[in-house]
């Protein structure tokens, strides 16, 4: 929820009969929606994805009511697809217009599980089976990244 009394939700949609907004991209797509916190009325909804599996795992807002969502993809949602699952972050403005998308990954699986926003930047964190900093300690390692 942002300070201007809006709720945001995000998740995954699995088939084209469940379109939330825009084009259905593939086997599973990520979505984000904004609701009025007083009335519960849906203000806008957006879908984001590739021809592969995509999901949203976290939503946060800034002081201007922009929504930031994070998740995972098995395709190229932006930038470069590195292999396995890649993490991604997208920014939507208060009216639901997509502002930007960033994709992060290694040759292993990289999953973003959470997001936070402050005046200093956007922070995401998750797990990887790859080498984020050159040294995987075995299995899945935790990671955190700051986008500014």
C-alpha atoms as a PDB file:
ATOM      1  CA  UNK A   1       0.000   0.000   0.000  1.00  0.00           C
ATOM      2  CA  UNK A   2       1.280   3.480  -0.721  1.00  0.00           C
ATOM      3  CA  UNK A   3       0.698   6.603   1.341  1.00  0.00           C
ATOM      4  CA  UNK A   4      -1.920   7.845  -1.142  1.00  0.00           C
ATOM      5  CA  UNK A   5      -4.266   4.999  -0.242  1.00  0.00           C
ATOM      6  CA  UNK A   6      -3.666   2.598  -3.095  1.00  0.00           C
ATOM      7  CA  UNK A   7      -3.127  -1.141  -2.832  1.00  0.00           C
ATOM      8  CA  UNK A   8      -0.961  -3.092  -5.238  1.00  0.00           C
ATOM      9  CA  UNK A   9      -0.943  -6.835  -5.911  1.00  0.00           C
ATOM     10  CA  UNK A  10       1.060  -9.037  -8.235  1.00  0.00           C
ATOM     11  CA  UNK A  11       1.402 -12.672  -9.184  1.00  0.00           C
ATOM     12  CA  UNK A  12       1.250 -15.154 -12.024  1.00  0.00           C
ATOM     13  CA  UNK A  13      -1.377 -15.971 -14.646  1.00  0.00           C
ATOM     14  CA  UNK A  14      -1.231 -19.351 -16.408  1.00  0.00           C
ATOM     15  CA  UNK A  15      -3.400 -19.287 -19.514  1.00  0.00           C
ATOM     16  CA  UNK A  16      -4.827 -16.954 -22.128  1.00  0.00           C
ATOM     17  CA  UNK A  17      -8.353 -17.261 -20.668  1.00  0.00           C
ATOM     18  CA  UNK A  18      -7.092 -15.334 -17.638  1.00  0.00           C
ATOM     19  CA  UNK A  19      -5.847 -12.217 -19.431  1.00  0.00           C
ATOM     20  CA  UNK A  20      -5.343  -9.384 -17.022  1.00  0.00           C
ATOM     21  CA  UNK A  21      -4.412  -6.668 -19.469  1.00  0.00           C
ATOM     22  CA  UNK A  22      -2.640  -6.519 -22.757  1.00  0.00           C
ATOM     23  CA  UNK A  23      -1.228  -9.471 -24.635  1.00  0.00           C
ATOM     24  CA  UNK A  24      -0.803 -12.978 -23.240  1.00  0.00           C
ATOM     25  CA  UNK A  25       2.859 -13.789 -23.819  1.00  0.00           C
ATOM     26  CA  UNK A  26       3.443 -17.472 -22.979  1.00  0.00           C
ATOM     27  CA  UNK A  27       3.063 -20.429 -20.624  1.00  0.00           C
ATOM     28  CA  UNK A  28       2.844 -18.140 -17.583  1.00  0.00           C
ATOM     29  CA  UNK A  29       3.007 -14.353 -17.270  1.00  0.00           C
ATOM     30  CA  UNK A  30       3.583 -11.939 -14.401  1.00  0.00           C
ATOM     31  CA  UNK A  31       0.935  -9.365 -13.490  1.00  0.00           C
ATOM     32  CA  UNK A  32       0.534  -6.294 -11.295  1.00  0.00           C
ATOM     33  CA  UNK A  33      -2.615  -4.358 -10.399  1.00  0.00           C
ATOM     34  CA  UNK A  34      -3.533  -1.180  -8.525  1.00  0.00           C
ATOM     35  CA  UNK A  35      -6.678  -0.899  -6.374  1.00  0.00           C
ATOM     36  CA  UNK A  36      -8.273   1.994  -4.518  1.00  0.00           C
ATOM     37  CA  UNK A  37      -7.780   1.121  -0.832  1.00  0.00           C
ATOM     38  CA  UNK A  38     -11.031   2.781   0.257  1.00  0.00           C
ATOM     39  CA  UNK A  39     -13.440   1.421  -2.357  1.00  0.00           C
ATOM     40  CA  UNK A  40     -11.524  -1.666  -3.530  1.00  0.00           C
ATOM     41  CA  UNK A  41     -12.089  -0.621  -7.147  1.00  0.00           C
ATOM     42  CA  UNK A  42      -9.512  -1.883  -9.634  1.00  0.00           C
ATOM     43  CA  UNK A  43      -7.696   1.131 -11.137  1.00  0.00           C
ATOM     44  CA  UNK A  44      -5.433  -0.699 -13.578  1.00  0.00           C
ATOM     45  CA  UNK A  45      -3.864  -4.090 -14.297  1.00  0.00           C
ATOM     46  CA  UNK A  46      -0.862  -5.030 -16.399  1.00  0.00           C
ATOM     47  CA  UNK A  47       0.692  -8.229 -17.678  1.00  0.00           C
ATOM     48  CA  UNK A  48       4.403  -8.773 -18.411  1.00  0.00           C
ATOM     49  CA  UNK A  49       6.088 -11.804 -19.891  1.00  0.00           C
ATOM     50  CA  UNK A  50       7.915 -13.765 -22.553  1.00  0.00           C
ATOM     51  CA  UNK A  51       7.067 -16.936 -24.479  1.00  0.00           C
ATOM     52  CA  UNK A  52       8.561 -18.838 -21.505  1.00  0.00           C
ATOM     53  CA  UNK A  53       7.579 -19.010 -17.808  1.00  0.00           C
ATOM     54  CA  UNK A  54       7.399 -15.634 -16.005  1.00  0.00           C
ATOM     55  CA  UNK A  55       6.114 -14.734 -12.543  1.00  0.00           C
ATOM     56  CA  UNK A  56       5.989 -11.772 -10.166  1.00  0.00           C
ATOM     57  CA  UNK A  57       7.206 -12.418  -6.614  1.00  0.00           C
ATOM     58  CA  UNK A  58       7.137  -8.976  -5.012  1.00  0.00           C
ATOM     59  CA  UNK A  59       5.669  -5.471  -5.279  1.00  0.00           C
ATOM     60  CA  UNK A  60       6.784  -2.212  -3.625  1.00  0.00           C
ATOM     61  CA  UNK A  61       6.006   1.487  -4.124  1.00  0.00           C
ATOM     62  CA  UNK A  62       7.887   4.751  -3.824  1.00  0.00           C
ATOM     63  CA  UNK A  63       6.676   8.088  -2.424  1.00  0.00           C
ATOM     64  CA  UNK A  64       5.294   9.053  -5.855  1.00  0.00           C
ATOM     65  CA  UNK A  65       3.075   5.918  -5.997  1.00  0.00           C
ATOM     66  CA  UNK A  66       5.158   4.280  -8.722  1.00  0.00           C
ATOM     67  CA  UNK A  67       4.949   0.484  -8.501  1.00  0.00           C
ATOM     68  CA  UNK A  68       8.044  -1.702  -8.708  1.00  0.00           C
ATOM     69  CA  UNK A  69       7.601  -5.417  -9.283  1.00  0.00           C
ATOM     70  CA  UNK A  70      10.158  -8.188  -9.287  1.00  0.00           C
ATOM     71  CA  UNK A  71      10.081 -11.801 -10.318  1.00  0.00           C
ATOM     72  CA  UNK A  72      11.624 -14.535 -12.390  1.00  0.00           C
ATOM     73  CA  UNK A  73      11.712 -15.413 -16.080  1.00  0.00           C
ATOM     74  CA  UNK A  74      12.959 -18.223 -18.275  1.00  0.00           C
ATOM     75  CA  UNK A  75      13.110 -15.885 -21.245  1.00  0.00           C
ATOM     76  CA  UNK A  76      14.288 -12.428 -22.252  1.00  0.00           C
ATOM     77  CA  UNK A  77      11.993  -9.858 -20.659  1.00  0.00           C
ATOM     78  CA  UNK A  78      14.673  -7.139 -21.024  1.00  0.00           C
ATOM     79  CA  UNK A  79      18.417  -6.784 -21.405  1.00  0.00           C
ATOM     80  CA  UNK A  80      20.097 -10.204 -21.844  1.00  0.00           C
ATOM     81  CA  UNK A  81      18.807 -13.671 -20.955  1.00  0.00           C
ATOM     82  CA  UNK A  82      21.608 -15.502 -19.129  1.00  0.00           C
ATOM     83  CA  UNK A  83      20.116 -19.008 -18.866  1.00  0.00           C
ATOM     84  CA  UNK A  84      17.997 -20.910 -16.359  1.00  0.00           C
ATOM     85  CA  UNK A  85      15.782 -18.541 -14.387  1.00  0.00           C
ATOM     86  CA  UNK A  86      16.733 -14.849 -14.432  1.00  0.00           C
ATOM     87  CA  UNK A  87      15.527 -12.204 -11.990  1.00  0.00           C
ATOM     88  CA  UNK A  88      13.841  -9.035 -13.265  1.00  0.00           C
ATOM     89  CA  UNK A  89      12.526  -5.706 -11.974  1.00  0.00           C
ATOM     90  CA  UNK A  90       9.961  -3.444 -13.660  1.00  0.00           C
ATOM     91  CA  UNK A  91       8.712   0.039 -12.826  1.00  0.00           C
ATOM     92  CA  UNK A  92       5.161   1.225 -13.564  1.00  0.00           C
ATOM     93  CA  UNK A  93       4.089   4.804 -12.939  1.00  0.00           C
ATOM     94  CA  UNK A  94       1.022   5.683 -10.861  1.00  0.00           C
ATOM     95  CA  UNK A  95      -1.164   5.428 -13.990  1.00  0.00           C
ATOM     96  CA  UNK A  96       0.126   1.964 -14.930  1.00  0.00           C
ATOM     97  CA  UNK A  97       2.481   2.956 -17.762  1.00  0.00           C
ATOM     98  CA  UNK A  98       5.599   0.769 -17.959  1.00  0.00           C
ATOM     99  CA  UNK A  99       8.680   2.932 -17.352  1.00  0.00           C
ATOM    100  CA  UNK A 100      11.489   0.368 -17.547  1.00  0.00           C
ATOM    101  CA  UNK A 101      12.437  -3.295 -17.068  1.00  0.00           C
ATOM    102  CA  UNK A 102      15.821  -4.689 -15.978  1.00  0.00           C
ATOM    103  CA  UNK A 103      16.910  -8.329 -16.116  1.00  0.00           C
ATOM    104  CA  UNK A 104      19.692  -9.881 -13.997  1.00  0.00           C
ATOM    105  CA  UNK A 105      21.112 -13.372 -14.147  1.00  0.00           C
ATOM    106  CA  UNK A 106      23.891 -15.917 -14.338  1.00  0.00           C
ATOM    107  CA  UNK A 107      24.056 -19.206 -16.255  1.00  0.00           C
ATOM    108  CA  UNK A 108      22.357 -20.832 -13.233  1.00  0.00           C
ATOM    109  CA  UNK A 109      18.945 -20.131 -11.744  1.00  0.00           C
ATOM    110  CA  UNK A 110      18.516 -16.637 -10.290  1.00  0.00           C
ATOM    111  CA  UNK A 111      15.231 -15.924  -8.533  1.00  0.00           C
ATOM    112  CA  UNK A 112      14.204 -12.625  -6.964  1.00  0.00           C
ATOM    113  CA  UNK A 113      12.023 -13.202  -3.898  1.00  0.00           C
ATOM    114  CA  UNK A 114      11.552  -9.696  -2.532  1.00  0.00           C
ATOM    115  CA  UNK A 115      11.775  -5.978  -3.255  1.00  0.00           C
ATOM    116  CA  UNK A 116      12.058  -2.739  -1.277  1.00  0.00           C
ATOM    117  CA  UNK A 117      12.222   0.891  -2.424  1.00  0.00           C
ATOM    118  CA  UNK A 118      13.790   3.900  -0.699  1.00  0.00           C
ATOM    119  CA  UNK A 119      15.062   7.305  -1.736  1.00  0.00           C
ATOM    120  CA  UNK A 120      18.453   5.658  -2.292  1.00  0.00           C
ATOM    121  CA  UNK A 121      17.245   3.103  -4.827  1.00  0.00           C
ATOM    122  CA  UNK A 122      15.456  -0.157  -5.489  1.00  0.00           C
ATOM    123  CA  UNK A 123      16.631  -3.279  -3.648  1.00  0.00           C
ATOM    124  CA  UNK A 124      15.894  -6.855  -4.679  1.00  0.00           C
ATOM    125  CA  UNK A 125      17.023 -10.095  -3.099  1.00  0.00           C
ATOM    126  CA  UNK A 126      16.754 -13.778  -3.779  1.00  0.00           C
ATOM    127  CA  UNK A 127      18.653 -16.992  -4.400  1.00  0.00           C
ATOM    128  CA  UNK A 128      21.005 -18.216  -7.129  1.00  0.00           C
ATOM    129  CA  UNK A 129      22.567 -21.501  -8.173  1.00  0.00           C
ATOM    130  CA  UNK A 130      25.039 -19.515 -10.275  1.00  0.00           C
ATOM    131  CA  UNK A 131      28.047 -17.358  -9.486  1.00  0.00           C
ATOM    132  CA  UNK A 132      26.832 -13.831  -8.770  1.00  0.00           C
ATOM    133  CA  UNK A 133      30.171 -12.591  -7.433  1.00  0.00           C
ATOM    134  CA  UNK A 134      32.380 -15.386  -8.760  1.00  0.00           C
ATOM    135  CA  UNK A 135      32.057 -17.794  -5.824  1.00  0.00           C
ATOM    136  CA  UNK A 136      29.033 -20.026  -5.382  1.00  0.00           C
ATOM    137  CA  UNK A 137      29.306 -21.776  -2.025  1.00  0.00           C
ATOM    138  CA  UNK A 138      27.191 -24.747  -3.109  1.00  0.00           C
ATOM    139  CA  UNK A 139      23.505 -25.251  -3.767  1.00  0.00           C
ATOM    140  CA  UNK A 140      21.580 -21.989  -3.702  1.00  0.00           C
ATOM    141  CA  UNK A 141      23.266 -18.850  -2.388  1.00  0.00           C
ATOM    142  CA  UNK A 142      21.470 -15.691  -1.262  1.00  0.00           C
ATOM    143  CA  UNK A 143      22.036 -12.403  -3.099  1.00  0.00           C
ATOM    144  CA  UNK A 144      20.928  -8.785  -2.906  1.00  0.00           C
ATOM    145  CA  UNK A 145      21.181  -6.078  -5.568  1.00  0.00           C
ATOM    146  CA  UNK A 146      20.623  -2.331  -5.595  1.00  0.00           C
ATOM    147  CA  UNK A 147      19.327  -0.508  -8.664  1.00  0.00           C
ATOM    148  CA  UNK A 148      19.611   3.262  -8.639  1.00  0.00           C
END
